Amino acid sequence: MTVTRDVRAGEPPPDQLHDAGPERAELSFDDFYHAHYRGLVVQLAAYTGDRGQAQDLVQEAFCKAFARWDRVASYDDPLAWVRRVAWNLGHNRWRRLRTAQAYLLRQRETHVAGPTPDRVAVDAALAKLPPRQRRAVVLHYLADLTVAEIAAQERVAEGTVKSWLHRSRTALAGYLRDTTEGVENV
């Protein structure tokens, strides 16, 4: 693949910008930028597949070079430094985009089935219990706490917790029997 470079009127050819030797003329940033911007955009456009993004990457690389131009101009090949920065920026953007897309894929809503009729009936029956009895049932059957642990948490005697559980089971049986009458094959 051959890539040609448009030469602007009045611009020195890129070869003159890279004369080797100790008496090398001071490299001006403007001349360097005008001589190499288009070529780098072509390279990054081929890499990214997006000319606009390539222009942004090359522009950002040249901004970084301008901020430290005294040091970059003294390098043997300042163009290699700008090219490496532009490629690194392109790779970093691609990596951030890939990470963001993976995050968005994990955030998709998943379908969760609604509560079963049995669950609705149990929730409704629990809501009808007095708060202390409801708390005792939840702690005993859902949190797997013992009667002694519930008594310590609620600061009551163990016999009181046993009484709450007995009354709760009796009341729940009555509530659930009433709600399931007339329902067959549930």
N, C-alpha and C. Protein backbone atom coordinates (compact mmCIF):
# COMPACT_ATOMS: atom_id res chain seq x y z
N MET A 1 0.85 -1.17 0.00
CA MET A 1 0.00 0.00 0.00
C MET A 1 0.89 1.22 0.00
N THR A 2 0.62 2.14 -0.91
CA THR A 2 1.40 3.35 -1.01
C THR A 2 0.57 4.52 -0.53
N VAL A 3 1.13 5.29 0.36
CA VAL A 3 0.45 6.48 0.88
C VAL A 3 1.23 7.68 0.42
N THR A 4 0.55 8.59 -0.27
CA THR A 4 1.21 9.82 -0.72
C THR A 4 0.84 10.94 0.22
N ARG A 5 1.68 11.92 0.27
CA ARG A 5 1.50 13.04 1.16
C ARG A 5 1.37 14.30 0.32
N ASP A 6 0.32 15.08 0.58
CA ASP A 6 0.17 16.36 -0.11
C ASP A 6 1.20 17.33 0.44
N VAL A 7 1.91 18.01 -0.44
CA VAL A 7 2.89 19.01 0.00
C VAL A 7 2.25 20.37 -0.15
N ARG A 8 2.21 21.11 0.93
CA ARG A 8 1.66 22.46 0.88
C ARG A 8 2.70 23.41 0.31
N ALA A 9 2.19 24.44 -0.31
CA ALA A 9 3.09 25.44 -0.88
C ALA A 9 3.84 26.12 0.26
N GLY A 10 5.14 26.25 0.08
CA GLY A 10 5.94 26.93 1.08
C GLY A 10 6.39 26.06 2.23
N GLU A 11 6.00 24.79 2.26
CA GLU A 11 6.42 23.91 3.35
C GLU A 11 7.71 23.22 2.96
N PRO A 12 8.61 23.09 3.92
CA PRO A 12 9.81 22.31 3.60
C PRO A 12 9.45 20.83 3.57
N PRO A 13 10.07 20.09 2.71
CA PRO A 13 9.82 18.65 2.69
C PRO A 13 10.22 18.05 4.03
N PRO A 14 9.57 16.95 4.43
CA PRO A 14 9.87 16.33 5.71
C PRO A 14 11.33 15.94 5.86
N ASP A 15 12.02 15.60 4.75
CA ASP A 15 13.42 15.20 4.85
C ASP A 15 14.29 16.34 5.36
N GLN A 16 13.95 17.58 5.01
CA GLN A 16 14.74 18.71 5.47
C GLN A 16 14.55 18.94 6.97
N LEU A 17 13.42 18.50 7.52
CA LEU A 17 13.15 18.71 8.94
C LEU A 17 13.97 17.76 9.80
N HIS A 18 14.45 16.68 9.22
CA HIS A 18 15.16 15.67 10.02
C HIS A 18 16.62 15.55 9.63
N ASP A 19 17.27 16.65 9.28
CA ASP A 19 18.68 16.58 8.96
C ASP A 19 19.44 16.07 10.17
N ALA A 20 20.27 15.11 9.95
CA ALA A 20 21.06 14.58 11.05
C ALA A 20 22.31 15.43 11.21
N GLY A 21 22.81 15.46 12.39
CA GLY A 21 24.06 16.17 12.61
C GLY A 21 23.93 17.21 13.68
N PRO A 22 25.06 17.62 14.21
CA PRO A 22 25.05 18.58 15.31
C PRO A 22 24.62 19.97 14.90
N GLU A 23 24.82 20.35 13.62
CA GLU A 23 24.45 21.70 13.20
C GLU A 23 23.02 21.76 12.69
N ARG A 24 22.20 20.82 13.08
CA ARG A 24 20.80 20.76 12.66
C ARG A 24 20.09 22.05 13.07
N ALA A 25 19.34 22.61 12.13
CA ALA A 25 18.62 23.85 12.41
C ALA A 25 17.52 23.55 13.42
N GLU A 26 17.19 24.55 14.23
CA GLU A 26 16.15 24.37 15.25
C GLU A 26 14.82 24.06 14.55
N LEU A 27 14.19 23.03 15.01
CA LEU A 27 12.93 22.55 14.45
C LEU A 27 11.78 23.36 15.03
N SER A 28 11.02 24.03 14.20
CA SER A 28 9.88 24.80 14.72
C SER A 28 8.66 23.89 14.77
N PHE A 29 7.85 24.08 15.80
CA PHE A 29 6.68 23.23 15.97
C PHE A 29 5.72 23.41 14.81
N ASP A 30 5.52 24.65 14.34
CA ASP A 30 4.59 24.89 13.23
C ASP A 30 5.00 24.13 11.99
N ASP A 31 6.28 24.17 11.65
CA ASP A 31 6.74 23.45 10.46
C ASP A 31 6.56 21.94 10.64
N PHE A 32 6.91 21.47 11.82
CA PHE A 32 6.77 20.05 12.11
C PHE A 32 5.31 19.61 12.00
N TYR A 33 4.42 20.39 12.58
CA TYR A 33 2.98 20.08 12.55
C TYR A 33 2.47 20.04 11.11
N HIS A 34 2.76 21.07 10.33
CA HIS A 34 2.27 21.13 8.95
C HIS A 34 2.85 20.01 8.08
N ALA A 35 4.06 19.60 8.38
CA ALA A 35 4.69 18.56 7.57
C ALA A 35 4.15 17.16 7.88
N HIS A 36 3.66 16.93 9.10
CA HIS A 36 3.34 15.56 9.48
C HIS A 36 1.89 15.30 9.87
N TYR A 37 1.10 16.31 10.03
CA TYR A 37 -0.28 16.12 10.49
C TYR A 37 -1.07 15.20 9.57
N ARG A 38 -1.08 15.50 8.29
CA ARG A 38 -1.89 14.70 7.36
C ARG A 38 -1.46 13.24 7.32
N GLY A 39 -0.18 12.99 7.29
CA GLY A 39 0.31 11.62 7.24
C GLY A 39 -0.12 10.82 8.48
N LEU A 40 -0.04 11.45 9.63
CA LEU A 40 -0.45 10.76 10.84
C LEU A 40 -1.96 10.51 10.85
N VAL A 41 -2.73 11.45 10.33
CA VAL A 41 -4.18 11.24 10.27
C VAL A 41 -4.50 10.05 9.37
N VAL A 42 -3.80 9.93 8.25
CA VAL A 42 -4.03 8.80 7.35
C VAL A 42 -3.72 7.49 8.07
N GLN A 43 -2.62 7.45 8.81
CA GLN A 43 -2.24 6.23 9.52
C GLN A 43 -3.27 5.87 10.59
N LEU A 44 -3.68 6.86 11.38
CA LEU A 44 -4.63 6.59 12.46
C LEU A 44 -6.03 6.31 11.92
N ALA A 45 -6.37 6.88 10.78
CA ALA A 45 -7.68 6.58 10.18
C ALA A 45 -7.72 5.12 9.74
N ALA A 46 -6.60 4.64 9.23
CA ALA A 46 -6.53 3.22 8.85
C ALA A 46 -6.61 2.33 10.09
N TYR A 47 -6.05 2.77 11.19
CA TYR A 47 -6.06 2.00 12.43
C TYR A 47 -7.43 1.99 13.09
N THR A 48 -8.06 3.18 13.19
CA THR A 48 -9.33 3.29 13.90
C THR A 48 -10.54 3.04 13.02
N GLY A 49 -10.40 3.27 11.71
CA GLY A 49 -11.54 3.12 10.83
C GLY A 49 -12.46 4.34 10.86
N ASP A 50 -12.04 5.41 11.50
CA ASP A 50 -12.87 6.60 11.63
C ASP A 50 -11.96 7.83 11.48
N ARG A 51 -12.17 8.56 10.40
CA ARG A 51 -11.30 9.70 10.12
C ARG A 51 -11.43 10.79 11.18
N GLY A 52 -12.65 11.05 11.63
CA GLY A 52 -12.86 12.08 12.65
C GLY A 52 -12.13 11.73 13.94
N GLN A 53 -12.22 10.48 14.34
CA GLN A 53 -11.53 10.06 15.56
C GLN A 53 -10.02 10.13 15.35
N ALA A 54 -9.56 9.77 14.16
CA ALA A 54 -8.12 9.85 13.86
C ALA A 54 -7.63 11.30 13.96
N GLN A 55 -8.40 12.23 13.44
CA GLN A 55 -8.02 13.64 13.53
C GLN A 55 -7.94 14.08 14.99
N ASP A 56 -8.90 13.65 15.80
CA ASP A 56 -8.88 13.99 17.23
C ASP A 56 -7.64 13.42 17.91
N LEU A 57 -7.32 12.18 17.61
CA LEU A 57 -6.17 11.53 18.24
C LEU A 57 -4.86 12.21 17.86
N VAL A 58 -4.71 12.51 16.59
CA VAL A 58 -3.48 13.17 16.13
C VAL A 58 -3.39 14.57 16.71
N GLN A 59 -4.51 15.27 16.73
CA GLN A 59 -4.52 16.62 17.31
C GLN A 59 -4.11 16.57 18.78
N GLU A 60 -4.64 15.61 19.52
CA GLU A 60 -4.30 15.48 20.94
C GLU A 60 -2.83 15.13 21.11
N ALA A 61 -2.30 14.27 20.25
CA ALA A 61 -0.88 13.92 20.32
C ALA A 61 -0.01 15.15 20.05
N PHE A 62 -0.39 15.95 19.06
CA PHE A 62 0.37 17.16 18.79
C PHE A 62 0.25 18.17 19.94
N CYS A 63 -0.89 18.21 20.61
CA CYS A 63 -1.03 19.08 21.79
C CYS A 63 -0.07 18.66 22.89
N LYS A 64 0.04 17.36 23.09
CA LYS A 64 0.97 16.86 24.10
C LYS A 64 2.41 17.18 23.70
N ALA A 65 2.71 17.07 22.41
CA ALA A 65 4.06 17.41 21.94
C ALA A 65 4.34 18.90 22.11
N PHE A 66 3.36 19.73 21.83
CA PHE A 66 3.55 21.17 21.97
C PHE A 66 3.81 21.56 23.42
N ALA A 67 3.14 20.88 24.34
CA ALA A 67 3.30 21.21 25.76
C ALA A 67 4.73 20.92 26.24
N ARG A 68 5.45 20.00 25.59
CA ARG A 68 6.82 19.68 25.98
C ARG A 68 7.74 19.75 24.76
N TRP A 69 7.51 20.75 23.93
CA TRP A 69 8.20 20.84 22.65
C TRP A 69 9.71 20.94 22.79
N ASP A 70 10.22 21.63 23.79
CA ASP A 70 11.67 21.76 23.96
C ASP A 70 12.33 20.38 24.08
N ARG A 71 11.70 19.50 24.82
CA ARG A 71 12.25 18.16 25.00
C ARG A 71 12.02 17.30 23.77
N VAL A 72 10.78 17.34 23.20
CA VAL A 72 10.45 16.49 22.05
C VAL A 72 11.29 16.88 20.83
N ALA A 73 11.54 18.15 20.63
CA ALA A 73 12.31 18.60 19.47
C ALA A 73 13.75 18.10 19.53
N SER A 74 14.24 17.81 20.72
CA SER A 74 15.62 17.34 20.84
C SER A 74 15.75 15.83 20.58
N TYR A 75 14.65 15.12 20.46
CA TYR A 75 14.71 13.69 20.18
C TYR A 75 15.25 13.45 18.78
N ASP A 76 15.82 12.27 18.56
CA ASP A 76 16.32 11.93 17.23
C ASP A 76 15.19 11.89 16.22
N ASP A 77 14.02 11.41 16.64
CA ASP A 77 12.88 11.31 15.74
C ASP A 77 11.61 11.78 16.47
N PRO A 78 11.35 13.09 16.48
CA PRO A 78 10.16 13.60 17.18
C PRO A 78 8.86 13.04 16.59
N LEU A 79 8.87 12.74 15.30
CA LEU A 79 7.68 12.18 14.67
C LEU A 79 7.34 10.83 15.28
N ALA A 80 8.33 10.02 15.57
CA ALA A 80 8.08 8.71 16.18
C ALA A 80 7.42 8.88 17.55
N TRP A 81 7.84 9.90 18.30
CA TRP A 81 7.23 10.15 19.61
C TRP A 81 5.77 10.55 19.45
N VAL A 82 5.46 11.46 18.52
CA VAL A 82 4.08 11.90 18.31
C VAL A 82 3.24 10.74 17.80
N ARG A 83 3.79 9.94 16.89
CA ARG A 83 3.06 8.79 16.36
C ARG A 83 2.74 7.80 17.48
N ARG A 84 3.72 7.52 18.34
CA ARG A 84 3.51 6.58 19.44
C ARG A 84 2.43 7.10 20.40
N VAL A 85 2.46 8.39 20.69
CA VAL A 85 1.45 8.98 21.57
C VAL A 85 0.07 8.86 20.94
N ALA A 86 -0.04 9.15 19.65
CA ALA A 86 -1.34 9.07 18.96
C ALA A 86 -1.85 7.62 18.96
N TRP A 87 -0.98 6.66 18.70
CA TRP A 87 -1.39 5.26 18.71
C TRP A 87 -1.82 4.83 20.12
N ASN A 88 -1.07 5.26 21.12
CA ASN A 88 -1.45 4.93 22.50
C ASN A 88 -2.80 5.54 22.86
N LEU A 89 -3.04 6.77 22.45
CA LEU A 89 -4.33 7.39 22.72
C LEU A 89 -5.46 6.62 22.04
N GLY A 90 -5.21 6.19 20.80
CA GLY A 90 -6.22 5.41 20.08
C GLY A 90 -6.50 4.09 20.77
N HIS A 91 -5.45 3.44 21.22
CA HIS A 91 -5.62 2.16 21.92
C HIS A 91 -6.36 2.36 23.24
N ASN A 92 -6.01 3.41 23.97
CA ASN A 92 -6.69 3.68 25.25
C ASN A 92 -8.17 3.99 25.05
N ARG A 93 -8.50 4.75 24.01
CA ARG A 93 -9.91 5.03 23.73
C ARG A 93 -10.66 3.75 23.39
N TRP A 94 -10.03 2.90 22.61
CA TRP A 94 -10.68 1.64 22.24
C TRP A 94 -10.91 0.79 23.49
N ARG A 95 -9.91 0.74 24.39
CA ARG A 95 -10.04 -0.04 25.61
C ARG A 95 -11.14 0.52 26.51
N ARG A 96 -11.22 1.84 26.65
CA ARG A 96 -12.29 2.45 27.46
C ARG A 96 -13.66 2.17 26.85
N LEU A 97 -13.74 2.25 25.53
CA LEU A 97 -15.01 1.96 24.85
C LEU A 97 -15.43 0.52 25.08
N ARG A 98 -14.48 -0.40 24.99
CA ARG A 98 -14.78 -1.82 25.20
C ARG A 98 -15.24 -2.07 26.64
N THR A 99 -14.61 -1.42 27.60
CA THR A 99 -15.00 -1.55 29.00
C THR A 99 -16.40 -0.99 29.22
N ALA A 100 -16.68 0.17 28.62
CA ALA A 100 -18.01 0.77 28.76
C ALA A 100 -19.09 -0.11 28.15
N GLN A 101 -18.80 -0.70 27.00
CA GLN A 101 -19.78 -1.56 26.36
C GLN A 101 -20.03 -2.82 27.20
N ALA A 102 -18.99 -3.37 27.78
CA ALA A 102 -19.16 -4.55 28.64
C ALA A 102 -20.00 -4.19 29.86
N TYR A 103 -19.77 -3.01 30.41
CA TYR A 103 -20.55 -2.55 31.56
C TYR A 103 -22.02 -2.40 31.18
N LEU A 104 -22.28 -1.80 30.03
CA LEU A 104 -23.66 -1.60 29.60
C LEU A 104 -24.37 -2.93 29.35
N LEU A 105 -23.63 -3.90 28.82
CA LEU A 105 -24.24 -5.21 28.60
C LEU A 105 -24.63 -5.87 29.92
N ARG A 106 -23.82 -5.65 30.97
CA ARG A 106 -24.16 -6.22 32.27
C ARG A 106 -25.33 -5.50 32.92
N GLN A 107 -25.64 -4.29 32.48
CA GLN A 107 -26.69 -3.50 33.11
C GLN A 107 -28.06 -3.72 32.48
N ARG A 108 -28.12 -4.57 31.49
CA ARG A 108 -29.41 -4.81 30.84
C ARG A 108 -30.40 -5.41 31.82
N GLU A 109 -31.63 -5.00 31.67
CA GLU A 109 -32.68 -5.53 32.54
C GLU A 109 -32.97 -6.98 32.17
N THR A 110 -33.16 -7.78 33.17
CA THR A 110 -33.53 -9.17 32.93
C THR A 110 -34.96 -9.36 33.42
N HIS A 111 -35.64 -10.24 32.78
CA HIS A 111 -37.02 -10.50 33.14
C HIS A 111 -37.06 -11.40 34.38
N VAL A 112 -37.75 -10.94 35.38
CA VAL A 112 -37.92 -11.72 36.60
C VAL A 112 -39.40 -12.03 36.73
N ALA A 113 -39.67 -13.30 36.93
CA ALA A 113 -41.06 -13.71 37.04
C ALA A 113 -41.70 -13.08 38.28
N GLY A 114 -42.95 -12.77 38.17
CA GLY A 114 -43.68 -12.18 39.29
C GLY A 114 -43.88 -13.20 40.40
N PRO A 115 -44.38 -12.74 41.52
CA PRO A 115 -44.60 -13.67 42.63
C PRO A 115 -45.69 -14.68 42.29
N THR A 116 -45.53 -15.86 42.83
CA THR A 116 -46.52 -16.91 42.61
C THR A 116 -47.75 -16.62 43.45
N PRO A 117 -48.88 -17.21 43.13
CA PRO A 117 -50.08 -17.00 43.95
C PRO A 117 -49.87 -17.41 45.42
N ASP A 118 -49.08 -18.47 45.64
CA ASP A 118 -48.79 -18.89 47.01
C ASP A 118 -48.02 -17.81 47.76
N ARG A 119 -47.05 -17.20 47.08
CA ARG A 119 -46.25 -16.15 47.72
C ARG A 119 -47.12 -14.95 48.06
N VAL A 120 -48.01 -14.58 47.16
CA VAL A 120 -48.92 -13.45 47.41
C VAL A 120 -49.80 -13.76 48.62
N ALA A 121 -50.29 -14.98 48.71
CA ALA A 121 -51.16 -15.37 49.82
C ALA A 121 -50.39 -15.34 51.15
N VAL A 122 -49.16 -15.82 51.15
CA VAL A 122 -48.36 -15.82 52.38
C VAL A 122 -48.04 -14.38 52.80
N ASP A 123 -47.67 -13.53 51.84
CA ASP A 123 -47.38 -12.13 52.16
C ASP A 123 -48.61 -11.43 52.73
N ALA A 124 -49.77 -11.68 52.14
CA ALA A 124 -51.00 -11.06 52.63
C ALA A 124 -51.33 -11.57 54.03
N ALA A 125 -51.13 -12.86 54.27
CA ALA A 125 -51.41 -13.43 55.59
C ALA A 125 -50.44 -12.88 56.63
N LEU A 126 -49.17 -12.75 56.28
CA LEU A 126 -48.19 -12.18 57.21
C LEU A 126 -48.53 -10.73 57.56
N ALA A 127 -49.04 -10.00 56.59
CA ALA A 127 -49.39 -8.60 56.84
C ALA A 127 -50.53 -8.46 57.85
N LYS A 128 -51.34 -9.50 57.98
CA LYS A 128 -52.47 -9.44 58.92
C LYS A 128 -52.05 -9.73 60.36
N LEU A 129 -50.85 -10.28 60.55
CA LEU A 129 -50.38 -10.61 61.90
C LEU A 129 -49.97 -9.34 62.64
N PRO A 130 -50.07 -9.34 63.98
CA PRO A 130 -49.54 -8.23 64.77
C PRO A 130 -48.02 -8.13 64.56
N PRO A 131 -47.45 -6.94 64.67
CA PRO A 131 -46.02 -6.75 64.36
C PRO A 131 -45.07 -7.70 65.10
N ARG A 132 -45.25 -7.92 66.39
CA ARG A 132 -44.34 -8.78 67.15
C ARG A 132 -44.42 -10.23 66.68
N GLN A 133 -45.61 -10.71 66.40
CA GLN A 133 -45.77 -12.08 65.91
C GLN A 133 -45.15 -12.21 64.51
N ARG A 134 -45.38 -11.20 63.67
CA ARG A 134 -44.82 -11.23 62.31
C ARG A 134 -43.30 -11.26 62.39
N ARG A 135 -42.71 -10.43 63.25
CA ARG A 135 -41.27 -10.38 63.42
C ARG A 135 -40.74 -11.74 63.89
N ALA A 136 -41.44 -12.38 64.83
CA ALA A 136 -41.02 -13.69 65.33
C ALA A 136 -41.04 -14.74 64.22
N VAL A 137 -42.07 -14.73 63.39
CA VAL A 137 -42.17 -15.70 62.28
C VAL A 137 -41.05 -15.47 61.27
N VAL A 138 -40.83 -14.22 60.92
CA VAL A 138 -39.79 -13.90 59.93
C VAL A 138 -38.41 -14.29 60.47
N LEU A 139 -38.13 -13.94 61.71
CA LEU A 139 -36.82 -14.26 62.28
C LEU A 139 -36.61 -15.77 62.43
N HIS A 140 -37.66 -16.47 62.79
CA HIS A 140 -37.52 -17.91 63.01
C HIS A 140 -37.46 -18.70 61.70
N TYR A 141 -38.37 -18.40 60.75
CA TYR A 141 -38.48 -19.21 59.54
C TYR A 141 -37.66 -18.69 58.36
N LEU A 142 -37.45 -17.40 58.31
CA LEU A 142 -36.69 -16.87 57.18
C LEU A 142 -35.23 -16.59 57.54
N ALA A 143 -34.99 -16.08 58.76
CA ALA A 143 -33.61 -15.79 59.18
C ALA A 143 -32.97 -16.97 59.90
N ASP A 144 -33.73 -18.03 60.15
CA ASP A 144 -33.24 -19.25 60.81
C ASP A 144 -32.65 -18.98 62.19
N LEU A 145 -33.25 -18.06 62.94
CA LEU A 145 -32.82 -17.83 64.31
C LEU A 145 -33.54 -18.78 65.25
N THR A 146 -32.87 -19.18 66.31
CA THR A 146 -33.49 -20.04 67.30
C THR A 146 -34.40 -19.21 68.20
N VAL A 147 -35.22 -19.90 68.99
CA VAL A 147 -36.12 -19.21 69.92
C VAL A 147 -35.30 -18.38 70.91
N ALA A 148 -34.17 -18.92 71.37
CA ALA A 148 -33.31 -18.20 72.32
C ALA A 148 -32.74 -16.94 71.69
N GLU A 149 -32.31 -17.01 70.41
CA GLU A 149 -31.75 -15.85 69.74
C GLU A 149 -32.80 -14.77 69.52
N ILE A 150 -34.02 -15.19 69.18
CA ILE A 150 -35.11 -14.23 69.00
C ILE A 150 -35.44 -13.57 70.34
N ALA A 151 -35.48 -14.35 71.41
CA ALA A 151 -35.78 -13.81 72.73
C ALA A 151 -34.72 -12.79 73.14
N ALA A 152 -33.45 -13.07 72.87
CA ALA A 152 -32.39 -12.13 73.21
C ALA A 152 -32.50 -10.85 72.38
N GLN A 153 -32.81 -11.00 71.11
CA GLN A 153 -32.93 -9.82 70.24
C GLN A 153 -34.11 -8.96 70.64
N GLU A 154 -35.24 -9.59 70.93
CA GLU A 154 -36.46 -8.85 71.27
C GLU A 154 -36.53 -8.48 72.76
N ARG A 155 -35.58 -9.00 73.55
CA ARG A 155 -35.52 -8.73 74.98
C ARG A 155 -36.80 -9.16 75.72
N VAL A 156 -37.17 -10.41 75.41
CA VAL A 156 -38.33 -11.03 76.07
C VAL A 156 -37.94 -12.45 76.47
N ALA A 157 -38.77 -13.09 77.24
CA ALA A 157 -38.51 -14.47 77.67
C ALA A 157 -38.73 -15.43 76.50
N GLU A 158 -38.06 -16.57 76.56
CA GLU A 158 -38.21 -17.58 75.51
C GLU A 158 -39.64 -18.07 75.43
N GLY A 159 -40.32 -18.18 76.53
CA GLY A 159 -41.71 -18.61 76.53
C GLY A 159 -42.59 -17.64 75.75
N THR A 160 -42.28 -16.35 75.82
CA THR A 160 -43.04 -15.35 75.06
C THR A 160 -42.86 -15.57 73.57
N VAL A 161 -41.64 -15.83 73.14
CA VAL A 161 -41.37 -16.08 71.71
C VAL A 161 -42.11 -17.34 71.26
N LYS A 162 -42.10 -18.40 72.08
CA LYS A 162 -42.82 -19.62 71.74
C LYS A 162 -44.31 -19.33 71.60
N SER A 163 -44.83 -18.49 72.48
CA SER A 163 -46.24 -18.13 72.43
C SER A 163 -46.54 -17.36 71.14
N TRP A 164 -45.66 -16.41 70.78
CA TRP A 164 -45.86 -15.64 69.55
C TRP A 164 -45.86 -16.58 68.33
N LEU A 165 -44.92 -17.49 68.31
CA LEU A 165 -44.83 -18.42 67.17
C LEU A 165 -46.06 -19.31 67.08
N HIS A 166 -46.53 -19.83 68.23
CA HIS A 166 -47.72 -20.68 68.23
C HIS A 166 -48.93 -19.90 67.73
N ARG A 167 -49.16 -18.70 68.25
CA ARG A 167 -50.30 -17.88 67.81
C ARG A 167 -50.18 -17.52 66.33
N SER A 168 -48.97 -17.22 65.90
CA SER A 168 -48.76 -16.85 64.49
C SER A 168 -49.09 -18.01 63.56
N ARG A 169 -48.63 -19.21 63.89
CA ARG A 169 -48.91 -20.38 63.05
C ARG A 169 -50.40 -20.66 62.99
N THR A 170 -51.09 -20.51 64.11
CA THR A 170 -52.53 -20.75 64.14
C THR A 170 -53.25 -19.72 63.26
N ALA A 171 -52.88 -18.45 63.42
CA ALA A 171 -53.51 -17.39 62.63
C ALA A 171 -53.20 -17.55 61.15
N LEU A 172 -51.95 -17.85 60.81
CA LEU A 172 -51.56 -18.03 59.40
C LEU A 172 -52.33 -19.19 58.76
N ALA A 173 -52.50 -20.28 59.50
CA ALA A 173 -53.23 -21.43 58.96
C ALA A 173 -54.66 -21.02 58.63
N GLY A 174 -55.28 -20.23 59.49
CA GLY A 174 -56.64 -19.78 59.23
C GLY A 174 -56.70 -18.84 58.03
N TYR A 175 -55.77 -17.89 57.96
CA TYR A 175 -55.76 -16.94 56.83
C TYR A 175 -55.51 -17.65 55.50
N LEU A 176 -54.57 -18.58 55.51
CA LEU A 176 -54.23 -19.27 54.27
C LEU A 176 -55.34 -20.24 53.84
N ARG A 177 -56.02 -20.84 54.81
CA ARG A 177 -57.14 -21.73 54.49
C ARG A 177 -58.24 -20.91 53.82
N ASP A 178 -58.51 -19.71 54.33
CA ASP A 178 -59.57 -18.86 53.76
C ASP A 178 -59.22 -18.43 52.34
N THR A 179 -57.96 -18.13 52.08
CA THR A 179 -57.58 -17.63 50.74
C THR A 179 -57.48 -18.75 49.72
N THR A 180 -57.27 -19.98 50.15
CA THR A 180 -57.12 -21.07 49.18
C THR A 180 -58.42 -21.83 48.95
N GLU A 181 -59.48 -21.50 49.69
CA GLU A 181 -60.75 -22.17 49.44
C GLU A 181 -61.24 -21.76 48.06
N GLY A 182 -61.68 -22.68 47.30
CA GLY A 182 -62.19 -22.40 45.99
C GLY A 182 -61.09 -22.41 44.91
N VAL A 183 -59.82 -22.49 45.33
CA VAL A 183 -58.72 -22.55 44.37
C VAL A 183 -58.30 -23.99 44.25
N GLU A 184 -58.31 -24.51 43.06
CA GLU A 184 -57.94 -25.90 42.85
C GLU A 184 -56.74 -25.96 41.93
N ASN A 185 -55.90 -26.94 42.16
CA ASN A 185 -54.71 -27.18 41.32
C ASN A 185 -53.80 -25.97 41.23
N VAL A 186 -53.53 -25.39 42.37
CA VAL A 186 -52.60 -24.24 42.37
C VAL A 186 -51.21 -24.73 42.60
